[in-house]
N, C-alpha and C. Protein backbone atom coordinates (compact mmCIF):
# COMPACT_ATOMS: atom_id res chain seq x y z
N UNK A 1 51.22 -14.04 10.67
CA UNK A 1 50.57 -13.50 11.91
C UNK A 1 51.25 -12.13 12.11
N UNK A 2 50.49 -11.23 12.70
CA UNK A 2 50.94 -9.91 12.89
C UNK A 2 51.94 -9.87 14.04
N UNK A 3 53.03 -9.08 13.89
CA UNK A 3 54.00 -8.95 14.94
C UNK A 3 53.56 -7.81 15.85
N UNK A 4 53.14 -6.66 15.35
CA UNK A 4 52.79 -5.62 16.11
C UNK A 4 51.22 -5.43 16.10
N UNK A 5 50.62 -5.87 17.17
CA UNK A 5 49.20 -5.92 17.18
C UNK A 5 48.61 -4.67 17.48
N UNK A 6 47.56 -4.28 16.60
CA UNK A 6 46.84 -3.02 16.81
C UNK A 6 45.68 -3.28 17.63
N UNK A 7 45.18 -4.47 17.72
CA UNK A 7 43.99 -4.85 18.49
C UNK A 7 44.33 -5.94 19.43
N UNK A 8 44.13 -5.74 20.65
CA UNK A 8 44.38 -6.76 21.73
C UNK A 8 43.06 -7.56 22.02
N UNK A 9 42.66 -8.32 20.96
CA UNK A 9 41.40 -8.88 21.01
C UNK A 9 41.47 -10.21 20.27
N UNK A 10 40.86 -11.23 20.84
CA UNK A 10 40.82 -12.58 20.27
C UNK A 10 39.49 -12.78 19.57
N UNK A 11 39.52 -13.28 18.35
CA UNK A 11 38.25 -13.46 17.61
C UNK A 11 38.26 -14.89 17.12
N UNK A 12 37.06 -15.47 16.95
CA UNK A 12 36.90 -16.88 16.49
C UNK A 12 36.28 -16.83 15.09
N UNK A 13 36.90 -17.59 14.24
CA UNK A 13 36.43 -17.84 12.87
C UNK A 13 36.08 -19.26 12.62
N UNK A 14 34.91 -19.59 12.25
CA UNK A 14 34.43 -20.90 12.04
C UNK A 14 34.28 -21.16 10.54
N UNK A 15 35.09 -22.04 10.02
CA UNK A 15 35.14 -22.45 8.53
C UNK A 15 36.12 -21.65 7.84
N UNK A 16 37.07 -22.34 7.19
CA UNK A 16 38.10 -21.67 6.45
C UNK A 16 37.97 -21.98 4.94
N UNK A 17 36.77 -21.69 4.37
CA UNK A 17 36.59 -21.65 2.91
C UNK A 17 37.07 -20.34 2.50
N UNK A 18 36.67 -19.94 1.26
CA UNK A 18 37.21 -18.66 0.78
C UNK A 18 36.78 -17.53 1.57
N UNK A 19 35.55 -17.47 1.98
CA UNK A 19 35.20 -16.28 2.80
C UNK A 19 35.79 -16.24 4.20
N UNK A 20 35.68 -17.41 4.94
CA UNK A 20 36.24 -17.51 6.21
C UNK A 20 37.71 -17.32 6.24
N UNK A 21 38.53 -17.86 5.31
CA UNK A 21 39.91 -17.80 5.26
C UNK A 21 40.35 -16.35 5.01
N UNK A 22 39.65 -15.68 4.08
CA UNK A 22 39.98 -14.28 3.74
C UNK A 22 39.72 -13.36 4.97
N UNK A 23 38.76 -13.58 5.79
CA UNK A 23 38.47 -12.78 6.92
C UNK A 23 39.41 -13.12 8.03
N UNK A 24 39.77 -14.38 8.14
CA UNK A 24 40.74 -14.80 9.22
C UNK A 24 42.14 -14.17 9.01
N UNK A 25 42.55 -14.32 7.79
CA UNK A 25 43.89 -13.87 7.35
C UNK A 25 44.02 -12.35 7.47
N UNK A 26 42.98 -11.60 7.00
CA UNK A 26 43.02 -10.15 7.03
C UNK A 26 43.04 -9.74 8.43
N UNK A 27 42.16 -10.34 9.31
CA UNK A 27 41.99 -9.93 10.79
C UNK A 27 43.41 -10.18 11.53
N UNK A 28 44.00 -11.32 11.08
CA UNK A 28 45.31 -11.65 11.74
C UNK A 28 46.37 -10.55 11.24
N UNK A 29 46.34 -10.15 9.98
CA UNK A 29 47.25 -9.18 9.38
C UNK A 29 47.13 -7.83 10.14
N UNK A 30 45.92 -7.36 10.57
CA UNK A 30 45.67 -6.07 11.16
C UNK A 30 45.89 -6.24 12.68
N UNK A 31 46.09 -7.39 13.15
CA UNK A 31 46.44 -7.47 14.57
C UNK A 31 45.67 -8.26 15.55
N UNK A 32 44.55 -8.79 15.08
CA UNK A 32 43.62 -9.53 16.07
C UNK A 32 44.34 -10.90 16.18
N UNK A 33 44.00 -11.48 17.37
CA UNK A 33 44.43 -12.90 17.58
C UNK A 33 43.37 -13.88 17.14
N UNK A 34 43.72 -14.55 16.07
CA UNK A 34 42.63 -15.29 15.48
C UNK A 34 42.68 -16.86 15.81
N UNK A 35 41.65 -17.44 16.29
CA UNK A 35 41.42 -18.84 16.55
C UNK A 35 40.36 -19.32 15.46
N UNK A 36 40.90 -20.31 14.65
CA UNK A 36 39.88 -20.75 13.69
C UNK A 36 39.51 -22.25 13.88
N UNK A 37 38.25 -22.57 13.65
CA UNK A 37 37.82 -23.94 13.75
C UNK A 37 37.38 -24.36 12.27
N UNK A 38 38.07 -25.43 11.81
CA UNK A 38 37.82 -25.93 10.42
C UNK A 38 37.79 -27.44 10.63
N UNK A 39 36.64 -28.03 10.32
CA UNK A 39 36.48 -29.57 10.50
C UNK A 39 37.29 -30.35 9.38
N UNK A 40 37.55 -29.73 8.30
CA UNK A 40 38.35 -30.50 7.33
C UNK A 40 39.87 -30.50 7.72
N UNK A 41 40.35 -31.62 8.04
CA UNK A 41 41.80 -31.69 8.55
C UNK A 41 42.75 -31.17 7.56
N UNK A 42 42.63 -31.48 6.33
CA UNK A 42 43.65 -31.02 5.36
C UNK A 42 43.59 -29.54 5.21
N UNK A 43 42.37 -28.98 5.19
CA UNK A 43 42.23 -27.50 5.11
C UNK A 43 42.86 -26.86 6.38
N UNK A 44 42.56 -27.44 7.52
CA UNK A 44 43.03 -26.83 8.72
C UNK A 44 44.55 -26.80 8.79
N UNK A 45 45.19 -27.89 8.27
CA UNK A 45 46.68 -27.95 8.37
C UNK A 45 47.23 -26.90 7.36
N UNK A 46 46.47 -26.56 6.33
CA UNK A 46 46.95 -25.57 5.43
C UNK A 46 47.13 -24.19 5.97
N UNK A 47 46.45 -23.93 7.09
CA UNK A 47 46.41 -22.65 7.75
C UNK A 47 47.17 -22.67 8.97
N UNK A 48 47.75 -23.77 9.36
CA UNK A 48 48.50 -23.83 10.59
C UNK A 48 49.75 -22.98 10.34
N UNK A 49 50.15 -22.07 11.31
CA UNK A 49 51.22 -21.21 11.12
C UNK A 49 50.96 -19.89 10.54
N UNK A 50 49.75 -19.75 9.89
CA UNK A 50 49.29 -18.57 9.26
C UNK A 50 48.37 -17.85 10.28
N UNK A 51 47.69 -18.57 11.14
CA UNK A 51 46.75 -17.94 12.14
C UNK A 51 47.44 -18.28 13.53
N UNK A 52 46.83 -17.71 14.49
CA UNK A 52 47.41 -17.94 15.91
C UNK A 52 47.07 -19.33 16.25
N UNK A 53 45.97 -19.84 15.88
CA UNK A 53 45.61 -21.31 16.28
C UNK A 53 44.52 -21.72 15.35
N UNK A 54 44.69 -22.94 14.87
CA UNK A 54 43.64 -23.68 14.05
C UNK A 54 43.35 -24.95 14.68
N UNK A 55 42.07 -25.20 14.89
CA UNK A 55 41.57 -26.33 15.50
C UNK A 55 40.77 -27.23 14.59
N UNK A 56 41.09 -28.41 14.16
CA UNK A 56 40.32 -29.26 13.30
C UNK A 56 39.16 -29.94 13.97
N UNK A 57 38.15 -29.17 14.30
CA UNK A 57 36.99 -29.67 15.01
C UNK A 57 35.73 -29.04 14.29
N UNK A 58 34.52 -29.56 14.67
CA UNK A 58 33.30 -29.24 14.12
C UNK A 58 32.57 -28.37 15.13
N UNK A 59 32.31 -27.08 14.65
CA UNK A 59 31.62 -26.10 15.57
C UNK A 59 30.23 -26.32 15.70
N UNK A 60 29.61 -27.15 14.96
CA UNK A 60 28.13 -27.60 15.13
C UNK A 60 27.95 -28.38 16.36
N UNK A 61 28.98 -28.92 16.96
CA UNK A 61 28.96 -29.68 18.16
C UNK A 61 29.19 -28.72 19.36
N UNK A 62 28.24 -28.53 20.27
CA UNK A 62 28.45 -27.54 21.39
C UNK A 62 29.61 -27.89 22.20
N UNK A 63 29.98 -29.17 22.26
CA UNK A 63 31.20 -29.59 23.10
C UNK A 63 32.41 -28.96 22.63
N UNK A 64 32.48 -28.87 21.19
CA UNK A 64 33.69 -28.20 20.77
C UNK A 64 33.97 -26.77 21.20
N UNK A 65 32.82 -26.09 21.10
CA UNK A 65 32.91 -24.64 21.54
C UNK A 65 33.07 -24.49 23.08
N UNK A 66 32.62 -25.42 23.79
CA UNK A 66 32.88 -25.39 25.32
C UNK A 66 34.38 -25.65 25.52
N UNK A 67 35.06 -26.54 24.70
CA UNK A 67 36.41 -26.90 24.92
C UNK A 67 37.33 -25.74 24.64
N UNK A 68 36.98 -24.92 23.69
CA UNK A 68 37.78 -23.75 23.34
C UNK A 68 37.45 -22.58 24.14
N UNK A 69 36.38 -22.68 25.11
CA UNK A 69 36.10 -21.56 26.01
C UNK A 69 35.46 -20.46 25.16
N UNK A 70 34.47 -20.79 24.37
CA UNK A 70 33.99 -19.69 23.47
C UNK A 70 33.50 -18.47 24.20
N UNK A 71 33.14 -18.55 25.42
CA UNK A 71 32.63 -17.32 26.24
C UNK A 71 33.73 -16.31 26.34
N UNK A 72 35.02 -16.62 26.12
CA UNK A 72 36.06 -15.70 26.15
C UNK A 72 36.23 -14.86 24.87
N UNK A 73 35.36 -15.19 23.82
CA UNK A 73 35.51 -14.43 22.63
C UNK A 73 34.36 -13.44 22.54
N UNK A 74 34.74 -12.13 22.18
CA UNK A 74 33.73 -11.14 22.07
C UNK A 74 33.21 -11.07 20.64
N UNK A 75 33.92 -11.67 19.68
CA UNK A 75 33.49 -11.53 18.19
C UNK A 75 33.80 -12.95 17.57
N UNK A 76 32.81 -13.38 16.82
CA UNK A 76 32.93 -14.64 16.10
C UNK A 76 32.35 -14.48 14.74
N UNK A 77 33.05 -15.11 13.72
CA UNK A 77 32.67 -15.09 12.31
C UNK A 77 32.37 -16.50 11.88
N UNK A 78 31.12 -16.67 11.32
CA UNK A 78 30.80 -17.98 10.83
C UNK A 78 30.91 -17.92 9.36
N UNK A 79 31.89 -18.60 8.76
CA UNK A 79 32.12 -18.59 7.36
C UNK A 79 31.68 -19.79 6.54
N UNK A 80 30.89 -20.67 7.25
CA UNK A 80 30.47 -21.87 6.56
C UNK A 80 29.36 -21.62 5.53
N UNK A 81 29.70 -22.13 4.30
CA UNK A 81 28.70 -21.93 3.20
C UNK A 81 28.35 -23.22 2.49
N UNK A 82 29.08 -24.27 2.75
CA UNK A 82 28.84 -25.47 2.07
C UNK A 82 27.68 -26.25 2.70
N UNK A 83 27.30 -25.88 3.89
CA UNK A 83 26.32 -26.67 4.53
C UNK A 83 25.44 -25.66 5.37
N UNK A 84 24.23 -25.33 5.00
CA UNK A 84 23.30 -24.44 5.71
C UNK A 84 23.11 -24.97 7.09
N UNK A 85 22.88 -26.24 7.17
CA UNK A 85 22.59 -26.87 8.55
C UNK A 85 23.77 -26.70 9.45
N UNK A 86 25.03 -26.91 9.02
CA UNK A 86 26.15 -26.65 9.79
C UNK A 86 26.31 -25.21 10.22
N UNK A 87 26.11 -24.33 9.23
CA UNK A 87 26.13 -22.91 9.62
C UNK A 87 25.21 -22.44 10.54
N UNK A 88 23.93 -23.05 10.59
CA UNK A 88 22.85 -22.63 11.50
C UNK A 88 23.14 -23.19 12.93
N UNK A 89 23.65 -24.45 12.98
CA UNK A 89 24.07 -25.07 14.19
C UNK A 89 25.21 -24.38 14.94
N UNK A 90 26.18 -24.01 14.07
CA UNK A 90 27.36 -23.30 14.65
C UNK A 90 26.93 -21.92 15.15
N UNK A 91 26.06 -21.19 14.38
CA UNK A 91 25.62 -19.87 14.80
C UNK A 91 24.67 -20.02 16.06
N UNK A 92 23.94 -20.97 16.06
CA UNK A 92 23.09 -21.18 17.23
C UNK A 92 23.86 -21.47 18.43
N UNK A 93 24.99 -22.19 18.35
CA UNK A 93 25.79 -22.49 19.52
C UNK A 93 26.51 -21.26 20.01
N UNK A 94 26.84 -20.44 19.12
CA UNK A 94 27.44 -19.07 19.53
C UNK A 94 26.51 -18.21 20.23
N UNK A 95 25.29 -18.18 19.72
CA UNK A 95 24.23 -17.47 20.39
C UNK A 95 23.94 -17.94 21.80
N UNK A 96 23.81 -19.25 21.87
CA UNK A 96 23.59 -19.85 23.26
C UNK A 96 24.78 -19.57 24.16
N UNK A 97 25.94 -19.47 23.65
CA UNK A 97 27.15 -19.18 24.46
C UNK A 97 27.22 -17.66 24.93
N UNK A 98 26.38 -16.88 24.26
CA UNK A 98 26.42 -15.51 24.71
C UNK A 98 27.52 -14.65 24.06
N UNK A 99 27.98 -15.07 22.87
CA UNK A 99 29.07 -14.20 22.27
C UNK A 99 28.44 -12.89 21.80
N UNK A 100 29.13 -11.83 22.07
CA UNK A 100 28.52 -10.50 21.97
C UNK A 100 28.30 -10.01 20.56
N UNK A 101 29.27 -10.38 19.64
CA UNK A 101 29.07 -9.98 18.27
C UNK A 101 29.27 -11.14 17.32
N UNK A 102 28.23 -11.55 16.68
CA UNK A 102 28.28 -12.80 15.71
C UNK A 102 28.01 -12.36 14.37
N UNK A 103 28.97 -12.62 13.46
CA UNK A 103 28.89 -12.31 12.03
C UNK A 103 28.71 -13.67 11.34
N UNK A 104 27.87 -13.77 10.27
CA UNK A 104 27.71 -15.06 9.58
C UNK A 104 27.48 -14.77 8.11
N UNK A 105 28.03 -15.72 7.32
CA UNK A 105 27.83 -15.63 5.86
C UNK A 105 26.49 -16.38 5.56
N UNK A 106 25.75 -15.75 4.61
CA UNK A 106 24.58 -16.35 4.19
C UNK A 106 24.59 -16.68 2.77
N UNK A 107 24.07 -17.82 2.25
CA UNK A 107 24.09 -18.17 0.89
C UNK A 107 22.72 -17.92 0.20
N UNK A 108 21.70 -17.62 0.96
CA UNK A 108 20.30 -17.37 0.40
C UNK A 108 19.59 -16.43 1.37
N UNK A 109 18.47 -15.82 0.89
CA UNK A 109 17.67 -14.89 1.68
C UNK A 109 17.03 -15.69 2.84
N UNK A 110 16.63 -17.00 2.53
CA UNK A 110 16.10 -17.80 3.65
C UNK A 110 17.14 -18.13 4.72
N UNK A 111 18.30 -18.42 4.23
CA UNK A 111 19.43 -18.70 5.15
C UNK A 111 19.66 -17.45 6.08
N UNK A 112 19.71 -16.24 5.40
CA UNK A 112 19.90 -15.09 6.18
C UNK A 112 18.77 -14.92 7.17
N UNK A 113 17.51 -15.04 6.79
CA UNK A 113 16.41 -14.91 7.60
C UNK A 113 16.44 -15.68 8.93
N UNK A 114 16.83 -16.97 8.71
CA UNK A 114 16.93 -17.91 9.91
C UNK A 114 18.13 -17.52 10.73
N UNK A 115 19.26 -17.09 10.20
CA UNK A 115 20.41 -16.59 10.93
C UNK A 115 19.99 -15.47 11.78
N UNK A 116 19.32 -14.47 11.24
CA UNK A 116 18.85 -13.37 12.07
C UNK A 116 17.87 -13.75 13.09
N UNK A 117 16.95 -14.65 12.80
CA UNK A 117 15.98 -15.09 13.73
C UNK A 117 16.59 -15.71 14.98
N UNK A 118 17.59 -16.49 14.81
CA UNK A 118 18.19 -17.19 15.89
C UNK A 118 19.16 -16.28 16.70
N UNK A 119 19.47 -15.05 16.18
CA UNK A 119 20.18 -14.09 17.02
C UNK A 119 21.58 -13.69 16.46
N UNK A 120 21.83 -14.00 15.22
CA UNK A 120 23.15 -13.53 14.65
C UNK A 120 22.99 -11.99 14.45
N UNK A 121 24.07 -11.18 14.72
CA UNK A 121 23.99 -9.83 14.77
C UNK A 121 24.29 -9.18 13.42
N UNK A 122 25.06 -9.80 12.51
CA UNK A 122 25.36 -9.23 11.30
C UNK A 122 25.46 -10.42 10.27
N UNK A 123 24.59 -10.30 9.24
CA UNK A 123 24.59 -11.30 8.16
C UNK A 123 25.14 -10.66 6.85
N UNK A 124 26.08 -11.43 6.22
CA UNK A 124 26.64 -10.91 5.00
C UNK A 124 26.37 -11.83 3.88
N UNK A 125 26.30 -11.30 2.63
CA UNK A 125 26.19 -12.04 1.40
C UNK A 125 27.39 -11.83 0.47
N UNK A 126 28.45 -12.48 0.74
CA UNK A 126 29.74 -12.08 -0.06
C UNK A 126 29.52 -12.32 -1.55
N UNK A 127 28.79 -13.39 -1.99
CA UNK A 127 28.71 -13.68 -3.40
C UNK A 127 27.84 -12.62 -4.07
N UNK A 128 26.68 -12.28 -3.41
CA UNK A 128 25.66 -11.25 -3.92
C UNK A 128 26.35 -9.90 -3.96
N UNK A 129 27.06 -9.51 -2.97
CA UNK A 129 27.77 -8.29 -2.93
C UNK A 129 28.84 -8.12 -3.93
N UNK A 130 29.58 -9.21 -4.23
CA UNK A 130 30.64 -9.23 -5.29
C UNK A 130 29.90 -9.05 -6.70
N UNK A 131 28.80 -9.71 -6.84
CA UNK A 131 28.08 -9.63 -8.07
C UNK A 131 27.58 -8.27 -8.39
N UNK A 132 26.95 -7.57 -7.35
CA UNK A 132 26.56 -6.16 -7.59
C UNK A 132 27.75 -5.24 -7.78
N UNK A 133 28.83 -5.51 -7.14
CA UNK A 133 30.00 -4.64 -7.37
C UNK A 133 30.49 -4.76 -8.82
N UNK A 134 30.48 -6.04 -9.34
CA UNK A 134 31.03 -6.22 -10.76
C UNK A 134 30.08 -5.51 -11.69
N UNK A 135 28.76 -5.53 -11.44
CA UNK A 135 27.78 -4.97 -12.32
C UNK A 135 28.11 -3.39 -12.46
N UNK A 136 28.74 -2.74 -11.48
CA UNK A 136 29.03 -1.40 -11.55
C UNK A 136 30.34 -1.14 -12.29
N UNK A 137 31.25 -2.22 -12.27
CA UNK A 137 32.53 -2.02 -12.83
C UNK A 137 32.73 -2.44 -14.33
N UNK A 138 31.79 -3.10 -14.90
CA UNK A 138 32.04 -3.70 -16.19
C UNK A 138 32.13 -2.58 -17.27
N UNK A 139 31.57 -1.35 -16.99
CA UNK A 139 31.46 -0.35 -17.93
C UNK A 139 32.97 0.26 -18.22
N UNK A 140 33.88 0.00 -17.31
CA UNK A 140 35.29 0.44 -17.56
C UNK A 140 35.53 1.75 -16.98
N UNK A 141 34.42 2.45 -16.59
CA UNK A 141 34.72 3.86 -16.09
C UNK A 141 35.01 3.79 -14.53
N UNK A 142 34.40 2.89 -13.82
CA UNK A 142 34.67 2.75 -12.43
C UNK A 142 35.77 1.69 -12.24
N UNK A 143 36.65 1.92 -11.37
CA UNK A 143 37.82 1.04 -11.14
C UNK A 143 37.61 0.30 -9.75
N UNK A 144 36.87 0.93 -8.87
CA UNK A 144 36.59 0.24 -7.58
C UNK A 144 35.24 0.80 -7.11
N UNK A 145 34.45 0.09 -6.33
CA UNK A 145 33.12 0.44 -5.97
C UNK A 145 32.79 -0.12 -4.60
N UNK A 146 32.31 0.77 -3.63
CA UNK A 146 31.87 0.27 -2.31
C UNK A 146 30.54 1.01 -2.16
N UNK A 147 29.50 0.14 -1.91
CA UNK A 147 28.18 0.67 -1.71
C UNK A 147 27.76 0.43 -0.27
N UNK A 148 27.04 1.27 0.35
CA UNK A 148 26.56 1.16 1.66
C UNK A 148 24.97 0.95 1.53
N UNK A 149 24.40 0.62 2.76
CA UNK A 149 23.09 0.08 2.92
C UNK A 149 22.03 1.22 2.44
N UNK A 150 22.44 2.47 2.59
CA UNK A 150 21.50 3.59 2.36
C UNK A 150 21.64 4.15 0.93
N UNK A 151 21.98 3.36 -0.03
CA UNK A 151 22.07 3.71 -1.48
C UNK A 151 23.15 4.86 -1.58
N UNK A 152 24.24 4.74 -0.85
CA UNK A 152 25.30 5.69 -0.92
C UNK A 152 26.58 4.97 -1.25
N UNK A 153 27.50 5.50 -2.05
CA UNK A 153 28.63 4.68 -2.52
C UNK A 153 29.87 5.62 -2.51
N UNK A 154 30.99 5.04 -2.46
CA UNK A 154 32.33 5.68 -2.73
C UNK A 154 32.94 4.90 -3.82
N UNK A 155 33.40 5.58 -4.88
CA UNK A 155 33.98 4.86 -6.05
C UNK A 155 35.31 5.54 -6.40
N UNK A 156 36.13 4.75 -7.06
CA UNK A 156 37.36 5.14 -7.77
C UNK A 156 36.99 5.00 -9.23
N UNK A 157 37.21 6.16 -10.04
CA UNK A 157 36.88 6.15 -11.35
C UNK A 157 37.70 6.98 -12.22
N UNK A 158 37.52 6.89 -13.49
CA UNK A 158 38.16 7.70 -14.47
C UNK A 158 37.44 9.05 -14.62
N UNK A 159 38.11 10.18 -14.60
CA UNK A 159 37.36 11.44 -14.72
C UNK A 159 36.76 11.54 -16.07
N UNK A 160 35.52 12.12 -16.05
CA UNK A 160 34.95 12.37 -17.44
C UNK A 160 35.66 13.55 -18.14
N UNK A 161 35.57 13.68 -19.41
CA UNK A 161 36.26 14.62 -20.14
C UNK A 161 36.05 16.10 -19.71
N UNK A 162 34.84 16.31 -19.22
CA UNK A 162 34.54 17.76 -18.79
C UNK A 162 35.24 18.07 -17.57
N UNK A 163 35.87 17.24 -16.88
CA UNK A 163 36.79 17.52 -15.75
C UNK A 163 38.28 17.75 -16.00
N UNK A 164 38.66 17.14 -17.18
CA UNK A 164 40.10 17.04 -17.55
C UNK A 164 40.59 18.46 -17.94
N UNK A 165 41.75 18.80 -17.23
CA UNK A 165 42.31 20.12 -17.53
C UNK A 165 41.68 21.33 -16.77
N UNK A 166 40.74 20.88 -15.82
CA UNK A 166 40.08 22.01 -15.02
C UNK A 166 40.30 21.68 -13.55
N UNK A 167 40.22 22.72 -12.71
CA UNK A 167 40.12 22.51 -11.31
C UNK A 167 38.74 22.04 -10.97
N UNK A 168 38.59 21.51 -9.81
CA UNK A 168 37.27 21.11 -9.31
C UNK A 168 36.46 22.26 -9.18
N UNK A 169 36.93 23.42 -8.71
CA UNK A 169 36.08 24.67 -8.63
C UNK A 169 35.58 25.05 -9.97
N UNK A 170 36.35 24.82 -10.97
CA UNK A 170 35.93 25.27 -12.34
C UNK A 170 34.89 24.31 -13.01
N UNK A 171 35.09 22.97 -12.83
CA UNK A 171 34.19 21.99 -13.35
C UNK A 171 32.86 21.86 -12.66
N UNK A 172 32.83 22.42 -11.34
CA UNK A 172 31.58 22.41 -10.57
C UNK A 172 30.84 21.05 -10.58
N UNK A 173 31.55 19.93 -10.31
CA UNK A 173 30.88 18.64 -10.43
C UNK A 173 29.96 18.48 -9.29
N UNK A 174 30.17 19.06 -8.17
CA UNK A 174 29.16 18.85 -7.11
C UNK A 174 27.79 19.53 -7.47
N UNK A 175 27.88 20.71 -7.88
CA UNK A 175 26.62 21.33 -8.29
C UNK A 175 25.90 20.76 -9.47
N UNK A 176 26.70 20.20 -10.41
CA UNK A 176 26.07 19.68 -11.60
C UNK A 176 25.48 18.24 -11.34
N UNK A 177 26.25 17.48 -10.53
CA UNK A 177 25.82 16.06 -10.35
C UNK A 177 25.44 15.68 -9.01
N UNK A 178 25.67 16.57 -7.99
CA UNK A 178 25.23 16.11 -6.60
C UNK A 178 26.22 15.16 -5.92
N UNK A 179 27.36 15.04 -6.35
CA UNK A 179 28.32 14.11 -5.78
C UNK A 179 29.62 14.91 -5.38
N UNK A 180 30.44 14.20 -4.62
CA UNK A 180 31.68 15.03 -4.12
C UNK A 180 32.91 14.29 -4.50
N UNK A 181 33.78 14.98 -5.08
CA UNK A 181 35.17 14.39 -5.32
C UNK A 181 36.02 14.64 -4.08
N UNK A 182 36.40 13.57 -3.41
CA UNK A 182 37.06 13.63 -2.21
C UNK A 182 38.52 13.40 -2.25
N UNK A 183 39.07 12.87 -3.41
CA UNK A 183 40.46 12.74 -3.58
C UNK A 183 40.84 12.37 -5.01
N UNK A 184 42.01 12.64 -5.33
CA UNK A 184 42.54 12.29 -6.76
C UNK A 184 43.90 11.54 -6.44
N UNK A 185 44.32 10.75 -7.67
CA UNK A 185 45.48 10.00 -7.60
C UNK A 185 46.09 9.97 -8.87
N UNK A 186 47.40 10.22 -9.06
CA UNK A 186 48.17 10.09 -10.27
C UNK A 186 48.90 8.71 -10.18
N UNK A 187 49.12 7.99 -11.31
CA UNK A 187 49.80 6.79 -11.23
C UNK A 187 51.20 6.92 -10.51
N UNK A 188 51.50 5.97 -9.63
CA UNK A 188 52.70 6.06 -8.84
C UNK A 188 52.80 7.02 -7.66
N UNK A 189 51.65 7.72 -7.49
CA UNK A 189 51.63 8.71 -6.39
C UNK A 189 50.57 8.35 -5.35
N UNK A 190 50.66 8.89 -4.19
CA UNK A 190 49.67 8.72 -3.19
C UNK A 190 48.47 9.52 -3.48
N UNK A 191 47.31 9.05 -2.83
CA UNK A 191 46.03 9.86 -2.99
C UNK A 191 46.21 11.15 -2.23
N UNK A 192 45.59 12.15 -2.89
CA UNK A 192 45.59 13.50 -2.24
C UNK A 192 44.15 13.96 -1.98
N UNK A 193 43.96 14.66 -0.91
CA UNK A 193 42.61 15.15 -0.60
C UNK A 193 42.25 16.22 -1.63
N UNK A 194 41.05 16.25 -2.08
CA UNK A 194 40.61 17.17 -3.05
C UNK A 194 40.14 18.52 -2.52
N UNK A 195 40.57 19.57 -3.10
CA UNK A 195 40.19 20.93 -2.71
C UNK A 195 39.72 21.64 -3.92
N UNK A 196 39.07 22.66 -3.88
CA UNK A 196 38.55 23.46 -5.10
C UNK A 196 39.65 23.80 -6.17
N UNK A 197 40.85 23.93 -5.72
CA UNK A 197 41.98 24.33 -6.65
C UNK A 197 42.66 23.07 -7.22
N UNK A 198 42.16 21.81 -6.81
CA UNK A 198 42.76 20.60 -7.47
C UNK A 198 42.51 20.51 -8.88
N UNK A 199 43.54 20.36 -9.65
CA UNK A 199 43.40 20.27 -11.15
C UNK A 199 43.33 18.78 -11.48
N UNK A 200 42.45 18.45 -12.38
CA UNK A 200 42.37 16.98 -12.63
C UNK A 200 42.89 16.80 -14.08
N UNK A 201 43.76 15.80 -14.24
CA UNK A 201 44.28 15.47 -15.54
C UNK A 201 43.71 14.14 -16.07
N UNK A 202 43.92 13.96 -17.31
CA UNK A 202 43.46 12.60 -17.84
C UNK A 202 44.13 11.34 -17.26
N UNK A 203 45.26 11.53 -16.66
CA UNK A 203 45.98 10.41 -16.09
C UNK A 203 45.50 10.16 -14.64
N UNK A 204 44.68 11.08 -14.10
CA UNK A 204 44.24 10.89 -12.70
C UNK A 204 43.07 9.85 -12.58
N UNK A 205 43.04 9.18 -11.39
CA UNK A 205 41.83 8.52 -10.88
C UNK A 205 41.22 9.53 -9.85
N UNK A 206 39.84 9.52 -9.77
CA UNK A 206 39.23 10.39 -8.80
C UNK A 206 38.43 9.48 -7.91
N UNK A 207 38.41 9.89 -6.67
CA UNK A 207 37.55 9.24 -5.64
C UNK A 207 36.22 10.03 -5.41
N UNK A 208 35.12 9.47 -5.67
CA UNK A 208 33.82 10.21 -5.63
C UNK A 208 32.94 9.53 -4.56
N UNK A 209 32.19 10.31 -3.79
CA UNK A 209 31.22 9.82 -2.88
C UNK A 209 29.89 10.47 -3.14
N UNK A 210 28.80 9.69 -2.89
CA UNK A 210 27.39 10.33 -3.12
C UNK A 210 26.47 9.27 -3.31
N UNK A 211 25.14 9.56 -3.57
CA UNK A 211 24.13 8.62 -3.83
C UNK A 211 24.55 7.71 -5.15
N UNK A 212 24.22 6.55 -5.06
CA UNK A 212 24.62 5.62 -6.17
C UNK A 212 24.02 6.06 -7.49
N UNK A 213 22.75 6.47 -7.48
CA UNK A 213 22.20 6.89 -8.79
C UNK A 213 22.98 8.03 -9.44
N UNK A 214 23.32 9.05 -8.53
CA UNK A 214 23.99 10.20 -9.07
C UNK A 214 25.43 9.88 -9.56
N UNK A 215 26.11 8.89 -8.77
CA UNK A 215 27.46 8.58 -9.21
C UNK A 215 27.34 7.86 -10.53
N UNK A 216 26.43 6.95 -10.75
CA UNK A 216 26.22 6.32 -12.02
C UNK A 216 26.03 7.38 -13.12
N UNK A 217 25.29 8.47 -12.83
CA UNK A 217 24.99 9.44 -13.86
C UNK A 217 26.32 10.12 -14.23
N UNK A 218 27.22 10.35 -13.26
CA UNK A 218 28.57 11.00 -13.54
C UNK A 218 29.40 9.99 -14.33
N UNK A 219 29.35 8.69 -13.97
CA UNK A 219 30.19 7.72 -14.57
C UNK A 219 29.75 7.47 -16.05
N UNK A 220 28.55 7.82 -16.38
CA UNK A 220 28.03 7.55 -17.65
C UNK A 220 28.48 8.65 -18.73
N UNK A 221 29.03 9.75 -18.20
CA UNK A 221 29.50 10.82 -19.03
C UNK A 221 30.75 10.42 -19.77
N UNK A 222 30.96 10.91 -21.00
CA UNK A 222 32.07 10.48 -21.80
C UNK A 222 33.39 11.12 -21.25
């Protein structure tokens, strides 16, 4: 648990499977006070001491949420994926309780549609998003990939040969490909903000932002 809290806010996480646990641990690391509900006793015990509080109870029961005073939470994350029914019941209970910001994992488009219809504010597809990310990384040119809803992405990639040995001003990547090199990184060094005089070497990684189609065009270059 975080010793120096950046966020003086308590969040609720329901379900400590892979998605819920990852969210809970990372929120705890950056300073949130995390209360987790996990109905599996053995799994709940596994996270005792790693989060501020873990309660081995079922969030699909409204009485459980009443006991933990769910109205005191401004943010809740539903990480249940093993049971669509349990996910919907837990999310519905949070909506009924008036939680201001509810995030929920969906395992199918129908699951997502119902979550949105009952009032969940943000629905995420962790498996689908991971699959799409892998699709962009398998060519070996991109080393990391983050895509946004409007077909815009930020990627870490190997520079194409036409950039190596030249400054960004000389290679004119933005005018040729319609994307922006925002940073460069050499092994063992910190990222540096890119400027026209930044010279790119074969050992560098570059951080590029722009429309996904145009980034793919750049990444396809030898």
